């Protein structure tokens, strides 16, 4: 199936329709890469800190975050290895650091 608008234009200069299979294959690939990255980061830090992570719980959390984010045109949610490594080296023990980090980023964007 090819999807198009009445005017046949998509944003800046795009006039070609797109097939659902093209979009679906790309979205499955992005999802798989994001999930694998997230699990790899979680497993590596779980080994260092001697705790267990539940992969199915991680998948549900990522899926829910991406579904909610899709209503706000957000980027796909994945793990951040650099931020996780920095938090680990700084001795962070609570997810509250995410609120602190997002506040700093928002202030920087102003």
C-alpha atoms as a PDB file:
ATOM      1  CA  UNK A   1       0.000   0.000   0.000  1.00  0.00           C
ATOM      2  CA  UNK A   2       1.229   3.484  -0.836  1.00  0.00           C
ATOM      3  CA  UNK A   3       0.285   6.363   1.445  1.00  0.00           C
ATOM      4  CA  UNK A   4       0.031   9.913   0.174  1.00  0.00           C
ATOM      5  CA  UNK A   5      -1.735  13.155   0.950  1.00  0.00           C
ATOM      6  CA  UNK A   6      -4.147  15.060  -1.261  1.00  0.00           C
ATOM      7  CA  UNK A   7      -1.466  17.531  -2.250  1.00  0.00           C
ATOM      8  CA  UNK A   8       1.084  14.735  -2.650  1.00  0.00           C
ATOM      9  CA  UNK A   9       3.762  16.624  -0.706  1.00  0.00           C
ATOM     10  CA  UNK A  10       5.535  15.671   2.509  1.00  0.00           C
ATOM     11  CA  UNK A  11       7.381  18.530   4.102  1.00  0.00           C
ATOM     12  CA  UNK A  12      10.206  20.119   2.124  1.00  0.00           C
ATOM     13  CA  UNK A  13      10.294  18.802  -1.402  1.00  0.00           C
ATOM     14  CA  UNK A  14       9.088  15.253  -0.726  1.00  0.00           C
ATOM     15  CA  UNK A  15       6.374  14.387  -3.199  1.00  0.00           C
ATOM     16  CA  UNK A  16       6.728  10.607  -3.402  1.00  0.00           C
ATOM     17  CA  UNK A  17       4.402   8.351  -1.412  1.00  0.00           C
ATOM     18  CA  UNK A  18       5.904   5.726   0.841  1.00  0.00           C
ATOM     19  CA  UNK A  19       5.007   2.103   1.299  1.00  0.00           C
ATOM     20  CA  UNK A  20       3.920   0.751   4.642  1.00  0.00           C
ATOM     21  CA  UNK A  21       6.405  -2.133   4.303  1.00  0.00           C
ATOM     22  CA  UNK A  22       9.305   0.342   3.991  1.00  0.00           C
ATOM     23  CA  UNK A  23       8.252   2.178   7.124  1.00  0.00           C
ATOM     24  CA  UNK A  24       7.529  -1.041   9.016  1.00  0.00           C
ATOM     25  CA  UNK A  25      10.891  -2.619   8.212  1.00  0.00           C
ATOM     26  CA  UNK A  26      12.739   0.522   9.335  1.00  0.00           C
ATOM     27  CA  UNK A  27      10.753   0.796  12.544  1.00  0.00           C
ATOM     28  CA  UNK A  28      11.391  -2.855  13.423  1.00  0.00           C
ATOM     29  CA  UNK A  29      15.116  -2.356  12.864  1.00  0.00           C
ATOM     30  CA  UNK A  30      15.223   0.786  15.035  1.00  0.00           C
ATOM     31  CA  UNK A  31      13.281  -1.006  17.771  1.00  0.00           C
ATOM     32  CA  UNK A  32      15.578  -4.030  17.751  1.00  0.00           C
ATOM     33  CA  UNK A  33      18.756  -1.932  17.861  1.00  0.00           C
ATOM     34  CA  UNK A  34      17.415   0.250  20.675  1.00  0.00           C
ATOM     35  CA  UNK A  35      16.322  -2.758  22.731  1.00  0.00           C
ATOM     36  CA  UNK A  36      19.623  -4.598  22.255  1.00  0.00           C
ATOM     37  CA  UNK A  37      21.586  -1.479  23.185  1.00  0.00           C
ATOM     38  CA  UNK A  38      19.492  -0.949  26.296  1.00  0.00           C
ATOM     39  CA  UNK A  39      19.832  -4.555  27.446  1.00  0.00           C
ATOM     40  CA  UNK A  40      23.598  -4.600  26.780  1.00  0.00           C
ATOM     41  CA  UNK A  41      24.105  -1.467  28.868  1.00  0.00           C
ATOM     42  CA  UNK A  42      21.893  -2.797  31.648  1.00  0.00           C
ATOM     43  CA  UNK A  43      23.614  -6.185  31.719  1.00  0.00           C
ATOM     44  CA  UNK A  44      27.106  -4.685  31.813  1.00  0.00           C
ATOM     45  CA  UNK A  45      26.304  -2.464  34.785  1.00  0.00           C
ATOM     46  CA  UNK A  46      24.285  -5.202  36.494  1.00  0.00           C
ATOM     47  CA  UNK A  47      27.394  -7.396  36.488  1.00  0.00           C
ATOM     48  CA  UNK A  48      29.522  -4.562  37.926  1.00  0.00           C
ATOM     49  CA  UNK A  49      26.995  -3.781  40.656  1.00  0.00           C
ATOM     50  CA  UNK A  50      25.912  -7.380  41.383  1.00  0.00           C
ATOM     51  CA  UNK A  51      22.207  -7.087  40.629  1.00  0.00           C
ATOM     52  CA  UNK A  52      19.753  -8.718  38.246  1.00  0.00           C
ATOM     53  CA  UNK A  53      17.671  -7.027  35.567  1.00  0.00           C
ATOM     54  CA  UNK A  54      14.480  -8.420  34.093  1.00  0.00           C
ATOM     55  CA  UNK A  55      14.708  -8.193  30.286  1.00  0.00           C
ATOM     56  CA  UNK A  56      10.931  -8.414  29.807  1.00  0.00           C
ATOM     57  CA  UNK A  57      10.410  -5.538  32.253  1.00  0.00           C
ATOM     58  CA  UNK A  58      12.962  -3.492  30.310  1.00  0.00           C
ATOM     59  CA  UNK A  59      11.118  -4.244  27.049  1.00  0.00           C
ATOM     60  CA  UNK A  60       7.803  -3.128  28.551  1.00  0.00           C
ATOM     61  CA  UNK A  61       9.352   0.081  29.899  1.00  0.00           C
ATOM     62  CA  UNK A  62      10.993   0.931  26.563  1.00  0.00           C
ATOM     63  CA  UNK A  63       7.823   0.131  24.643  1.00  0.00           C
ATOM     64  CA  UNK A  64       5.666   2.262  26.910  1.00  0.00           C
ATOM     65  CA  UNK A  65       8.130   5.158  26.771  1.00  0.00           C
ATOM     66  CA  UNK A  66       8.232   4.995  22.971  1.00  0.00           C
ATOM     67  CA  UNK A  67       4.445   4.779  22.617  1.00  0.00           C
ATOM     68  CA  UNK A  68       3.935   7.793  24.898  1.00  0.00           C
ATOM     69  CA  UNK A  69       6.783   9.647  23.179  1.00  0.00           C
ATOM     70  CA  UNK A  70       5.215   9.063  19.762  1.00  0.00           C
ATOM     71  CA  UNK A  71       2.347  11.370  20.721  1.00  0.00           C
ATOM     72  CA  UNK A  72       4.875  14.165  21.269  1.00  0.00           C
ATOM     73  CA  UNK A  73       7.087  13.529  18.191  1.00  0.00           C
ATOM     74  CA  UNK A  74      10.011  12.435  20.344  1.00  0.00           C
ATOM     75  CA  UNK A  75      13.085  10.496  19.291  1.00  0.00           C
ATOM     76  CA  UNK A  76      13.041   6.766  20.030  1.00  0.00           C
ATOM     77  CA  UNK A  77      13.904   6.047  23.655  1.00  0.00           C
ATOM     78  CA  UNK A  78      17.012   3.921  24.256  1.00  0.00           C
ATOM     79  CA  UNK A  79      19.740   3.602  26.855  1.00  0.00           C
ATOM     80  CA  UNK A  80      22.519   6.132  27.136  1.00  0.00           C
ATOM     81  CA  UNK A  81      25.831   4.403  27.730  1.00  0.00           C
ATOM     82  CA  UNK A  82      27.825   7.588  28.311  1.00  0.00           C
ATOM     83  CA  UNK A  83      25.344   9.017  30.813  1.00  0.00           C
ATOM     84  CA  UNK A  84      25.050   5.659  32.587  1.00  0.00           C
ATOM     85  CA  UNK A  85      28.834   5.286  32.798  1.00  0.00           C
ATOM     86  CA  UNK A  86      29.228   8.828  34.129  1.00  0.00           C
ATOM     87  CA  UNK A  87      26.520   8.280  36.750  1.00  0.00           C
ATOM     88  CA  UNK A  88      28.124   4.995  37.776  1.00  0.00           C
ATOM     89  CA  UNK A  89      31.564   6.583  38.170  1.00  0.00           C
ATOM     90  CA  UNK A  90      30.061   9.459  40.154  1.00  0.00           C
ATOM     91  CA  UNK A  91      28.472   6.990  42.567  1.00  0.00           C
ATOM     92  CA  UNK A  92      24.852   7.805  41.753  1.00  0.00           C
ATOM     93  CA  UNK A  93      22.453   5.495  43.619  1.00  0.00           C
ATOM     94  CA  UNK A  94      19.029   6.830  42.572  1.00  0.00           C
ATOM     95  CA  UNK A  95      17.127   7.446  39.318  1.00  0.00           C
ATOM     96  CA  UNK A  96      16.567  11.009  40.548  1.00  0.00           C
ATOM     97  CA  UNK A  97      19.712  11.955  38.621  1.00  0.00           C
ATOM     98  CA  UNK A  98      17.555  11.739  35.461  1.00  0.00           C
ATOM     99  CA  UNK A  99      15.410  14.626  36.726  1.00  0.00           C
ATOM    100  CA  UNK A 100      18.528  16.638  37.528  1.00  0.00           C
ATOM    101  CA  UNK A 101      20.048  15.912  34.098  1.00  0.00           C
ATOM    102  CA  UNK A 102      16.855  16.797  32.229  1.00  0.00           C
ATOM    103  CA  UNK A 103      16.600  20.083  34.157  1.00  0.00           C
ATOM    104  CA  UNK A 104      20.165  21.011  33.187  1.00  0.00           C
ATOM    105  CA  UNK A 105      19.462  20.136  29.536  1.00  0.00           C
ATOM    106  CA  UNK A 106      16.255  22.214  29.505  1.00  0.00           C
ATOM    107  CA  UNK A 107      18.083  25.191  31.029  1.00  0.00           C
ATOM    108  CA  UNK A 108      20.788  24.802  28.392  1.00  0.00           C
ATOM    109  CA  UNK A 109      18.207  24.867  25.590  1.00  0.00           C
ATOM    110  CA  UNK A 110      16.678  28.159  26.750  1.00  0.00           C
END
